[in-house]
Amino acid sequence: DNAEKTVFLQMNSLKPEDTAVYYC
């Protein structure tokens, strides 16, 4: 959203292997 200066990550069907620190 350029107006809000924000980036999003929608994560569905999460798995244990998705466990991590997420960086923008």
mmCIF file of all heavy atoms, coordinates in Angstrom:
data_MODEL
# 
_entry.id   MODEL 
# 
loop_
_atom_site.group_PDB 
_atom_site.id 
_atom_site.type_symbol 
_atom_site.label_atom_id 
_atom_site.label_alt_id 
_atom_site.label_comp_id 
_atom_site.label_asym_id 
_atom_site.label_entity_id 
_atom_site.label_seq_id 
_atom_site.pdbx_PDB_ins_code 
_atom_site.Cartn_x 
_atom_site.Cartn_y 
_atom_site.Cartn_z 
_atom_site.occupancy 
_atom_site.B_iso_or_equiv 
_atom_site.pdbx_formal_charge 
_atom_site.auth_seq_id 
_atom_site.auth_comp_id 
_atom_site.auth_asym_id 
_atom_site.auth_atom_id 
_atom_site.pdbx_PDB_model_num 
ATOM 1   N N   . ASP A 1 1  ? 0.872  -1.166  0.000  1.00 0.00 ? 1  ASP A N   1 
ATOM 2   C CA  . ASP A 1 1  ? 0.000  0.000   0.000  1.00 0.00 ? 1  ASP A CA  1 
ATOM 3   C C   . ASP A 1 1  ? 0.909  1.215   0.000  1.00 0.00 ? 1  ASP A C   1 
ATOM 4   O O   . ASP A 1 1  ? 1.461  1.586   1.040  1.00 0.00 ? 1  ASP A O   1 
ATOM 5   C CB  . ASP A 1 1  ? -0.911 -0.020  1.225  1.00 0.00 ? 1  ASP A CB  1 
ATOM 6   C CG  . ASP A 1 1  ? -1.928 1.106   1.219  1.00 0.00 ? 1  ASP A CG  1 
ATOM 7   O OD1 . ASP A 1 1  ? -1.653 2.179   0.643  1.00 0.00 ? 1  ASP A OD1 1 
ATOM 8   O OD2 . ASP A 1 1  ? -2.995 0.927   1.819  1.00 0.00 ? 1  ASP A OD2 1 
ATOM 9   N N   . ASN A 1 2  ? 1.075  1.820   -1.162 1.00 0.00 ? 2  ASN A N   1 
ATOM 10  C CA  . ASN A 1 2  ? 2.008  2.935   -1.267 1.00 0.00 ? 2  ASN A CA  1 
ATOM 11  C C   . ASN A 1 2  ? 1.533  4.156   -0.469 1.00 0.00 ? 2  ASN A C   1 
ATOM 12  O O   . ASN A 1 2  ? 2.351  4.920   0.048  1.00 0.00 ? 2  ASN A O   1 
ATOM 13  C CB  . ASN A 1 2  ? 2.213  3.315   -2.725 1.00 0.00 ? 2  ASN A CB  1 
ATOM 14  C CG  . ASN A 1 2  ? 3.057  2.296   -3.475 1.00 0.00 ? 2  ASN A CG  1 
ATOM 15  O OD1 . ASN A 1 2  ? 3.742  1.462   -2.877 1.00 0.00 ? 2  ASN A OD1 1 
ATOM 16  N ND2 . ASN A 1 2  ? 2.979  2.336   -4.797 1.00 0.00 ? 2  ASN A ND2 1 
ATOM 17  N N   . ALA A 1 3  ? 0.228  4.328   -0.370 1.00 0.00 ? 3  ALA A N   1 
ATOM 18  C CA  . ALA A 1 3  ? -0.287 5.470   0.389  1.00 0.00 ? 3  ALA A CA  1 
ATOM 19  C C   . ALA A 1 3  ? 0.041  5.335   1.872  1.00 0.00 ? 3  ALA A C   1 
ATOM 20  O O   . ALA A 1 3  ? 0.345  6.327   2.543  1.00 0.00 ? 3  ALA A O   1 
ATOM 21  C CB  . ALA A 1 3  ? -1.791 5.600   0.187  1.00 0.00 ? 3  ALA A CB  1 
ATOM 22  N N   . GLU A 1 4  ? -0.012 4.100   2.365  1.00 0.00 ? 4  GLU A N   1 
ATOM 23  C CA  . GLU A 1 4  ? 0.278  3.846   3.778  1.00 0.00 ? 4  GLU A CA  1 
ATOM 24  C C   . GLU A 1 4  ? 1.745  3.499   4.020  1.00 0.00 ? 4  GLU A C   1 
ATOM 25  O O   . GLU A 1 4  ? 2.147  3.301   5.162  1.00 0.00 ? 4  GLU A O   1 
ATOM 26  C CB  . GLU A 1 4  ? -0.605 2.716   4.294  1.00 0.00 ? 4  GLU A CB  1 
ATOM 27  C CG  . GLU A 1 4  ? -2.090 3.048   4.294  1.00 0.00 ? 4  GLU A CG  1 
ATOM 28  C CD  . GLU A 1 4  ? -2.412 4.193   5.247  1.00 0.00 ? 4  GLU A CD  1 
ATOM 29  O OE1 . GLU A 1 4  ? -1.775 4.296   6.318  1.00 0.00 ? 4  GLU A OE1 1 
ATOM 30  O OE2 . GLU A 1 4  ? -3.302 5.002   4.895  1.00 0.00 ? 4  GLU A OE2 1 
ATOM 31  N N   . LYS A 1 5  ? 2.524  3.404   2.922  1.00 0.00 ? 5  LYS A N   1 
ATOM 32  C CA  . LYS A 1 5  ? 3.948  3.043   3.041  1.00 0.00 ? 5  LYS A CA  1 
ATOM 33  C C   . LYS A 1 5  ? 4.120  1.745   3.828  1.00 0.00 ? 5  LYS A C   1 
ATOM 34  O O   . LYS A 1 5  ? 4.930  1.667   4.780  1.00 0.00 ? 5  LYS A O   1 
ATOM 35  C CB  . LYS A 1 5  ? 4.752  4.172   3.682  1.00 0.00 ? 5  LYS A CB  1 
ATOM 36  C CG  . LYS A 1 5  ? 4.758  5.457   2.866  1.00 0.00 ? 5  LYS A CG  1 
ATOM 37  C CD  . LYS A 1 5  ? 5.672  6.507   3.480  1.00 0.00 ? 5  LYS A CD  1 
ATOM 38  C CE  . LYS A 1 5  ? 5.714  7.761   2.649  1.00 0.00 ? 5  LYS A CE  1 
ATOM 39  N NZ  . LYS A 1 5  ? 6.629  8.774   3.214  1.00 0.00 ? 5  LYS A NZ  1 
ATOM 40  N N   . THR A 1 6  ? 3.362  0.766   3.430  1.00 0.00 ? 6  THR A N   1 
ATOM 41  C CA  . THR A 1 6  ? 3.361  -0.508  4.140  1.00 0.00 ? 6  THR A CA  1 
ATOM 42  C C   . THR A 1 6  ? 3.361  -1.666  3.142  1.00 0.00 ? 6  THR A C   1 
ATOM 43  O O   . THR A 1 6  ? 2.689  -1.599  2.104  1.00 0.00 ? 6  THR A O   1 
ATOM 44  C CB  . THR A 1 6  ? 2.127  -0.615  5.049  1.00 0.00 ? 6  THR A CB  1 
ATOM 45  O OG1 . THR A 1 6  ? 2.115  0.480   5.965  1.00 0.00 ? 6  THR A OG1 1 
ATOM 46  C CG2 . THR A 1 6  ? 2.135  -1.921  5.843  1.00 0.00 ? 6  THR A CG2 1 
ATOM 47  N N   . VAL A 1 7  ? 4.118  -2.697  3.483  1.00 0.00 ? 7  VAL A N   1 
ATOM 48  C CA  . VAL A 1 7  ? 4.092  -3.936  2.709  1.00 0.00 ? 7  VAL A CA  1 
ATOM 49  C C   . VAL A 1 7  ? 3.566  -5.036  3.614  1.00 0.00 ? 7  VAL A C   1 
ATOM 50  O O   . VAL A 1 7  ? 3.831  -5.038  4.821  1.00 0.00 ? 7  VAL A O   1 
ATOM 51  C CB  . VAL A 1 7  ? 5.486  -4.272  2.135  1.00 0.00 ? 7  VAL A CB  1 
ATOM 52  C CG1 . VAL A 1 7  ? 6.511  -4.491  3.228  1.00 0.00 ? 7  VAL A CG1 1 
ATOM 53  C CG2 . VAL A 1 7  ? 5.410  -5.476  1.211  1.00 0.00 ? 7  VAL A CG2 1 
ATOM 54  N N   . PHE A 1 8  ? 2.793  -5.956  3.034  1.00 0.00 ? 8  PHE A N   1 
ATOM 55  C CA  . PHE A 1 8  ? 2.137  -7.007  3.787  1.00 0.00 ? 8  PHE A CA  1 
ATOM 56  C C   . PHE A 1 8  ? 2.572  -8.374  3.288  1.00 0.00 ? 8  PHE A C   1 
ATOM 57  O O   . PHE A 1 8  ? 2.944  -8.542  2.123  1.00 0.00 ? 8  PHE A O   1 
ATOM 58  C CB  . PHE A 1 8  ? 0.612  -6.893  3.647  1.00 0.00 ? 8  PHE A CB  1 
ATOM 59  C CG  . PHE A 1 8  ? 0.052  -5.563  4.031  1.00 0.00 ? 8  PHE A CG  1 
ATOM 60  C CD1 . PHE A 1 8  ? -0.199 -4.593  3.073  1.00 0.00 ? 8  PHE A CD1 1 
ATOM 61  C CD2 . PHE A 1 8  ? -0.219 -5.268  5.354  1.00 0.00 ? 8  PHE A CD2 1 
ATOM 62  C CE1 . PHE A 1 8  ? -0.724 -3.364  3.418  1.00 0.00 ? 8  PHE A CE1 1 
ATOM 63  C CE2 . PHE A 1 8  ? -0.734 -4.041  5.717  1.00 0.00 ? 8  PHE A CE2 1 
ATOM 64  C CZ  . PHE A 1 8  ? -0.989 -3.074  4.739  1.00 0.00 ? 8  PHE A CZ  1 
ATOM 65  N N   . LEU A 1 9  ? 2.475  -9.350  4.172  1.00 0.00 ? 9  LEU A N   1 
ATOM 66  C CA  . LEU A 1 9  ? 2.658  -10.744 3.784  1.00 0.00 ? 9  LEU A CA  1 
ATOM 67  C C   . LEU A 1 9  ? 1.534  -11.542 4.435  1.00 0.00 ? 9  LEU A C   1 
ATOM 68  O O   . LEU A 1 9  ? 1.530  -11.740 5.646  1.00 0.00 ? 9  LEU A O   1 
ATOM 69  C CB  . LEU A 1 9  ? 4.020  -11.287 4.216  1.00 0.00 ? 9  LEU A CB  1 
ATOM 70  C CG  . LEU A 1 9  ? 4.329  -12.695 3.726  1.00 0.00 ? 9  LEU A CG  1 
ATOM 71  C CD1 . LEU A 1 9  ? 4.493  -12.713 2.200  1.00 0.00 ? 9  LEU A CD1 1 
ATOM 72  C CD2 . LEU A 1 9  ? 5.585  -13.249 4.390  1.00 0.00 ? 9  LEU A CD2 1 
ATOM 73  N N   . GLN A 1 10 ? 0.586  -11.965 3.618  1.00 0.00 ? 10 GLN A N   1 
ATOM 74  C CA  . GLN A 1 10 ? -0.494 -12.821 4.091  1.00 0.00 ? 10 GLN A CA  1 
ATOM 75  C C   . GLN A 1 10 ? -0.022 -14.259 3.996  1.00 0.00 ? 10 GLN A C   1 
ATOM 76  O O   . GLN A 1 10 ? 0.340  -14.729 2.912  1.00 0.00 ? 10 GLN A O   1 
ATOM 77  C CB  . GLN A 1 10 ? -1.753 -12.619 3.248  1.00 0.00 ? 10 GLN A CB  1 
ATOM 78  C CG  . GLN A 1 10 ? -2.915 -13.506 3.642  1.00 0.00 ? 10 GLN A CG  1 
ATOM 79  C CD  . GLN A 1 10 ? -3.465 -13.196 5.014  1.00 0.00 ? 10 GLN A CD  1 
ATOM 80  O OE1 . GLN A 1 10 ? -3.636 -12.038 5.377  1.00 0.00 ? 10 GLN A OE1 1 
ATOM 81  N NE2 . GLN A 1 10 ? -3.739 -14.236 5.800  1.00 0.00 ? 10 GLN A NE2 1 
ATOM 82  N N   . MET A 1 11 ? -0.033 -14.946 5.125  1.00 0.00 ? 11 MET A N   1 
ATOM 83  C CA  . MET A 1 11 ? 0.473  -16.319 5.182  1.00 0.00 ? 11 MET A CA  1 
ATOM 84  C C   . MET A 1 11 ? -0.662 -17.242 5.596  1.00 0.00 ? 11 MET A C   1 
ATOM 85  O O   . MET A 1 11 ? -1.197 -17.114 6.705  1.00 0.00 ? 11 MET A O   1 
ATOM 86  C CB  . MET A 1 11 ? 1.623  -16.409 6.186  1.00 0.00 ? 11 MET A CB  1 
ATOM 87  C CG  . MET A 1 11 ? 2.749  -15.431 5.911  1.00 0.00 ? 11 MET A CG  1 
ATOM 88  S SD  . MET A 1 11 ? 4.189  -15.662 6.976  1.00 0.00 ? 11 MET A SD  1 
ATOM 89  C CE  . MET A 1 11 ? 3.483  -15.250 8.567  1.00 0.00 ? 11 MET A CE  1 
ATOM 90  N N   . ASN A 1 12 ? -1.014 -18.141 4.706  1.00 0.00 ? 12 ASN A N   1 
ATOM 91  C CA  . ASN A 1 12 ? -2.081 -19.112 4.958  1.00 0.00 ? 12 ASN A CA  1 
ATOM 92  C C   . ASN A 1 12 ? -1.511 -20.530 4.958  1.00 0.00 ? 12 ASN A C   1 
ATOM 93  O O   . ASN A 1 12 ? -0.397 -20.753 4.474  1.00 0.00 ? 12 ASN A O   1 
ATOM 94  C CB  . ASN A 1 12 ? -3.168 -18.998 3.897  1.00 0.00 ? 12 ASN A CB  1 
ATOM 95  C CG  . ASN A 1 12 ? -3.831 -17.637 3.869  1.00 0.00 ? 12 ASN A CG  1 
ATOM 96  O OD1 . ASN A 1 12 ? -3.971 -16.972 4.896  1.00 0.00 ? 12 ASN A OD1 1 
ATOM 97  N ND2 . ASN A 1 12 ? -4.241 -17.211 2.689  1.00 0.00 ? 12 ASN A ND2 1 
ATOM 98  N N   . SER A 1 13 ? -2.288 -21.444 5.493  1.00 0.00 ? 13 SER A N   1 
ATOM 99  C CA  . SER A 1 13 ? -1.884 -22.862 5.525  1.00 0.00 ? 13 SER A CA  1 
ATOM 100 C C   . SER A 1 13 ? -0.469 -23.019 6.067  1.00 0.00 ? 13 SER A C   1 
ATOM 101 O O   . SER A 1 13 ? 0.372  -23.716 5.479  1.00 0.00 ? 13 SER A O   1 
ATOM 102 C CB  . SER A 1 13 ? -1.986 -23.476 4.117  1.00 0.00 ? 13 SER A CB  1 
ATOM 103 O OG  . SER A 1 13 ? -3.283 -23.345 3.609  1.00 0.00 ? 13 SER A OG  1 
ATOM 104 N N   . LEU A 1 14 ? -0.209 -22.382 7.178  1.00 0.00 ? 14 LEU A N   1 
ATOM 105 C CA  . LEU A 1 14 ? 1.140  -22.371 7.734  1.00 0.00 ? 14 LEU A CA  1 
ATOM 106 C C   . LEU A 1 14 ? 1.564  -23.761 8.180  1.00 0.00 ? 14 LEU A C   1 
ATOM 107 O O   . LEU A 1 14 ? 0.751  -24.560 8.668  1.00 0.00 ? 14 LEU A O   1 
ATOM 108 C CB  . LEU A 1 14 ? 1.224  -21.386 8.886  1.00 0.00 ? 14 LEU A CB  1 
ATOM 109 C CG  . LEU A 1 14 ? 1.321  -19.924 8.432  1.00 0.00 ? 14 LEU A CG  1 
ATOM 110 C CD1 . LEU A 1 14 ? 0.925  -18.964 9.549  1.00 0.00 ? 14 LEU A CD1 1 
ATOM 111 C CD2 . LEU A 1 14 ? 2.737  -19.619 7.964  1.00 0.00 ? 14 LEU A CD2 1 
ATOM 112 N N   . LYS A 1 15 ? 2.861  -24.021 8.013  1.00 0.00 ? 15 LYS A N   1 
ATOM 113 C CA  . LYS A 1 15 ? 3.454  -25.296 8.351  1.00 0.00 ? 15 LYS A CA  1 
ATOM 114 C C   . LYS A 1 15 ? 4.551  -25.073 9.404  1.00 0.00 ? 15 LYS A C   1 
ATOM 115 O O   . LYS A 1 15 ? 5.123  -23.980 9.474  1.00 0.00 ? 15 LYS A O   1 
ATOM 116 C CB  . LYS A 1 15 ? 4.078  -25.926 7.105  1.00 0.00 ? 15 LYS A CB  1 
ATOM 117 C CG  . LYS A 1 15 ? 3.124  -26.096 5.941  1.00 0.00 ? 15 LYS A CG  1 
ATOM 118 C CD  . LYS A 1 15 ? 3.860  -26.625 4.717  1.00 0.00 ? 15 LYS A CD  1 
ATOM 119 C CE  . LYS A 1 15 ? 2.930  -26.788 3.528  1.00 0.00 ? 15 LYS A CE  1 
ATOM 120 N NZ  . LYS A 1 15 ? 3.653  -27.304 2.327  1.00 0.00 ? 15 LYS A NZ  1 
ATOM 121 N N   . PRO A 1 16 ? 4.886  -26.106 10.171 1.00 0.00 ? 16 PRO A N   1 
ATOM 122 C CA  . PRO A 1 16 ? 5.981  -25.952 11.143 1.00 0.00 ? 16 PRO A CA  1 
ATOM 123 C C   . PRO A 1 16 ? 7.278  -25.462 10.497 1.00 0.00 ? 16 PRO A C   1 
ATOM 124 O O   . PRO A 1 16 ? 8.031  -24.700 11.117 1.00 0.00 ? 16 PRO A O   1 
ATOM 125 C CB  . PRO A 1 16 ? 6.126  -27.358 11.721 1.00 0.00 ? 16 PRO A CB  1 
ATOM 126 C CG  . PRO A 1 16 ? 4.755  -27.941 11.606 1.00 0.00 ? 16 PRO A CG  1 
ATOM 127 C CD  . PRO A 1 16 ? 4.210  -27.400 10.306 1.00 0.00 ? 16 PRO A CD  1 
ATOM 128 N N   . GLU A 1 17 ? 7.527  -25.854 9.273  1.00 0.00 ? 17 GLU A N   1 
ATOM 129 C CA  . GLU A 1 17 ? 8.763  -25.429 8.601  1.00 0.00 ? 17 GLU A CA  1 
ATOM 130 C C   . GLU A 1 17 ? 8.750  -23.960 8.202  1.00 0.00 ? 17 GLU A C   1 
ATOM 131 O O   . GLU A 1 17 ? 9.766  -23.436 7.730  1.00 0.00 ? 17 GLU A O   1 
ATOM 132 C CB  . GLU A 1 17 ? 9.044  -26.303 7.373  1.00 0.00 ? 17 GLU A CB  1 
ATOM 133 C CG  . GLU A 1 17 ? 7.888  -26.459 6.407  1.00 0.00 ? 17 GLU A CG  1 
ATOM 134 C CD  . GLU A 1 17 ? 7.104  -27.737 6.648  1.00 0.00 ? 17 GLU A CD  1 
ATOM 135 O OE1 . GLU A 1 17 ? 6.841  -28.084 7.825  1.00 0.00 ? 17 GLU A OE1 1 
ATOM 136 O OE2 . GLU A 1 17 ? 6.738  -28.387 5.642  1.00 0.00 ? 17 GLU A OE2 1 
ATOM 137 N N   . ASP A 1 18 ? 7.630  -23.287 8.386  1.00 0.00 ? 18 ASP A N   1 
ATOM 138 C CA  . ASP A 1 18 ? 7.587  -21.839 8.164  1.00 0.00 ? 18 ASP A CA  1 
ATOM 139 C C   . ASP A 1 18 ? 8.089  -21.068 9.388  1.00 0.00 ? 18 ASP A C   1 
ATOM 140 O O   . ASP A 1 18 ? 8.224  -19.833 9.328  1.00 0.00 ? 18 ASP A O   1 
ATOM 141 C CB  . ASP A 1 18 ? 6.161  -21.386 7.843  1.00 0.00 ? 18 ASP A CB  1 
ATOM 142 C CG  . ASP A 1 18 ? 5.643  -21.942 6.524  1.00 0.00 ? 18 ASP A CG  1 
ATOM 143 O OD1 . ASP A 1 18 ? 6.405  -21.950 5.554  1.00 0.00 ? 18 ASP A OD1 1 
ATOM 144 O OD2 . ASP A 1 18 ? 4.474  -22.366 6.493  1.00 0.00 ? 18 ASP A OD2 1 
ATOM 145 N N   . THR A 1 19 ? 8.361  -21.762 10.464 1.00 0.00 ? 19 THR A N   1 
ATOM 146 C CA  . THR A 1 19 ? 8.858  -21.115 11.675 1.00 0.00 ? 19 THR A CA  1 
ATOM 147 C C   . THR A 1 19 ? 10.203 -20.442 11.408 1.00 0.00 ? 19 THR A C   1 
ATOM 148 O O   . THR A 1 19 ? 11.137 -21.079 10.919 1.00 0.00 ? 19 THR A O   1 
ATOM 149 C CB  . THR A 1 19 ? 9.013  -22.148 12.802 1.00 0.00 ? 19 THR A CB  1 
ATOM 150 O OG1 . THR A 1 19 ? 7.716  -22.641 13.147 1.00 0.00 ? 19 THR A OG1 1 
ATOM 151 C CG2 . THR A 1 19 ? 9.666  -21.525 14.025 1.00 0.00 ? 19 THR A CG2 1 
ATOM 152 N N   . ALA A 1 20 ? 10.274 -19.150 11.701 1.00 0.00 ? 20 ALA A N   1 
ATOM 153 C CA  . ALA A 1 20 ? 11.480 -18.378 11.423 1.00 0.00 ? 20 ALA A CA  1 
ATOM 154 C C   . ALA A 1 20 ? 11.271 -16.944 11.905 1.00 0.00 ? 20 ALA A C   1 
ATOM 155 O O   . ALA A 1 20 ? 10.154 -16.550 12.258 1.00 0.00 ? 20 ALA A O   1 
ATOM 156 C CB  . ALA A 1 20 ? 11.785 -18.366 9.924  1.00 0.00 ? 20 ALA A CB  1 
ATOM 157 N N   . VAL A 1 21 ? 12.343 -16.185 11.883 1.00 0.00 ? 21 VAL A N   1 
ATOM 158 C CA  . VAL A 1 21 ? 12.232 -14.733 12.015 1.00 0.00 ? 21 VAL A CA  1 
ATOM 159 C C   . VAL A 1 21 ? 12.056 -14.178 10.609 1.00 0.00 ? 21 VAL A C   1 
ATOM 160 O O   . VAL A 1 21 ? 12.833 -14.498 9.703  1.00 0.00 ? 21 VAL A O   1 
ATOM 161 C CB  . VAL A 1 21 ? 13.471 -14.123 12.683 1.00 0.00 ? 21 VAL A CB  1 
ATOM 162 C CG1 . VAL A 1 21 ? 13.336 -12.601 12.737 1.00 0.00 ? 21 VAL A CG1 1 
ATOM 163 C CG2 . VAL A 1 21 ? 13.666 -14.691 14.074 1.00 0.00 ? 21 VAL A CG2 1 
ATOM 164 N N   . TYR A 1 22 ? 11.023 -13.366 10.436 1.00 0.00 ? 22 TYR A N   1 
ATOM 165 C CA  . TYR A 1 22 ? 10.707 -12.790 9.135  1.00 0.00 ? 22 TYR A CA  1 
ATOM 166 C C   . TYR A 1 22 ? 11.161 -11.332 9.101  1.00 0.00 ? 22 TYR A C   1 
ATOM 167 O O   . TYR A 1 22 ? 10.822 -10.547 9.992  1.00 0.00 ? 22 TYR A O   1 
ATOM 168 C CB  . TYR A 1 22 ? 9.210  -12.900 8.864  1.00 0.00 ? 22 TYR A CB  1 
ATOM 169 C CG  . TYR A 1 22 ? 8.794  -14.292 8.474  1.00 0.00 ? 22 TYR A CG  1 
ATOM 170 C CD1 . TYR A 1 22 ? 8.790  -15.332 9.406  1.00 0.00 ? 22 TYR A CD1 1 
ATOM 171 C CD2 . TYR A 1 22 ? 8.418  -14.592 7.168  1.00 0.00 ? 22 TYR A CD2 1 
ATOM 172 C CE1 . TYR A 1 22 ? 8.442  -16.620 9.043  1.00 0.00 ? 22 TYR A CE1 1 
ATOM 173 C CE2 . TYR A 1 22 ? 8.046  -15.876 6.795  1.00 0.00 ? 22 TYR A CE2 1 
ATOM 174 C CZ  . TYR A 1 22 ? 8.065  -16.892 7.743  1.00 0.00 ? 22 TYR A CZ  1 
ATOM 175 O OH  . TYR A 1 22 ? 7.713  -18.172 7.374  1.00 0.00 ? 22 TYR A OH  1 
ATOM 176 N N   . TYR A 1 23 ? 11.906 -10.998 8.042  1.00 0.00 ? 23 TYR A N   1 
ATOM 177 C CA  . TYR A 1 23 ? 12.475 -9.665  7.888  1.00 0.00 ? 23 TYR A CA  1 
ATOM 178 C C   . TYR A 1 23 ? 11.893 -8.975  6.662  1.00 0.00 ? 23 TYR A C   1 
ATOM 179 O O   . TYR A 1 23 ? 11.762 -9.582  5.595  1.00 0.00 ? 23 TYR A O   1 
ATOM 180 C CB  . TYR A 1 23 ? 13.986 -9.743  7.712  1.00 0.00 ? 23 TYR A CB  1 
ATOM 181 C CG  . TYR A 1 23 ? 14.722 -10.329 8.892  1.00 0.00 ? 23 TYR A CG  1 
ATOM 182 C CD1 . TYR A 1 23 ? 14.978 -11.696 8.977  1.00 0.00 ? 23 TYR A CD1 1 
ATOM 183 C CD2 . TYR A 1 23 ? 15.189 -9.507  9.921  1.00 0.00 ? 23 TYR A CD2 1 
ATOM 184 C CE1 . TYR A 1 23 ? 15.654 -12.235 10.050 1.00 0.00 ? 23 TYR A CE1 1 
ATOM 185 C CE2 . TYR A 1 23 ? 15.875 -10.043 10.999 1.00 0.00 ? 23 TYR A CE2 1 
ATOM 186 C CZ  . TYR A 1 23 ? 16.101 -11.397 11.050 1.00 0.00 ? 23 TYR A CZ  1 
ATOM 187 O OH  . TYR A 1 23 ? 16.785 -11.931 12.116 1.00 0.00 ? 23 TYR A OH  1 
ATOM 188 N N   . CYS A 1 24 ? 11.623 -7.707  6.831  1.00 0.00 ? 24 CYS A N   1 
ATOM 189 C CA  . CYS A 1 24 ? 11.195 -6.856  5.731  1.00 0.00 ? 24 CYS A CA  1 
ATOM 190 C C   . CYS A 1 24 ? 12.428 -6.171  5.147  1.00 0.00 ? 24 CYS A C   1 
ATOM 191 O O   . CYS A 1 24 ? 13.340 -5.786  5.898  1.00 0.00 ? 24 CYS A O   1 
ATOM 192 C CB  . CYS A 1 24 ? 10.213 -5.819  6.285  1.00 0.00 ? 24 CYS A CB  1 
ATOM 193 S SG  . CYS A 1 24 ? 9.726  -4.523  5.159  1.00 0.00 ? 24 CYS A SG  1 
# 
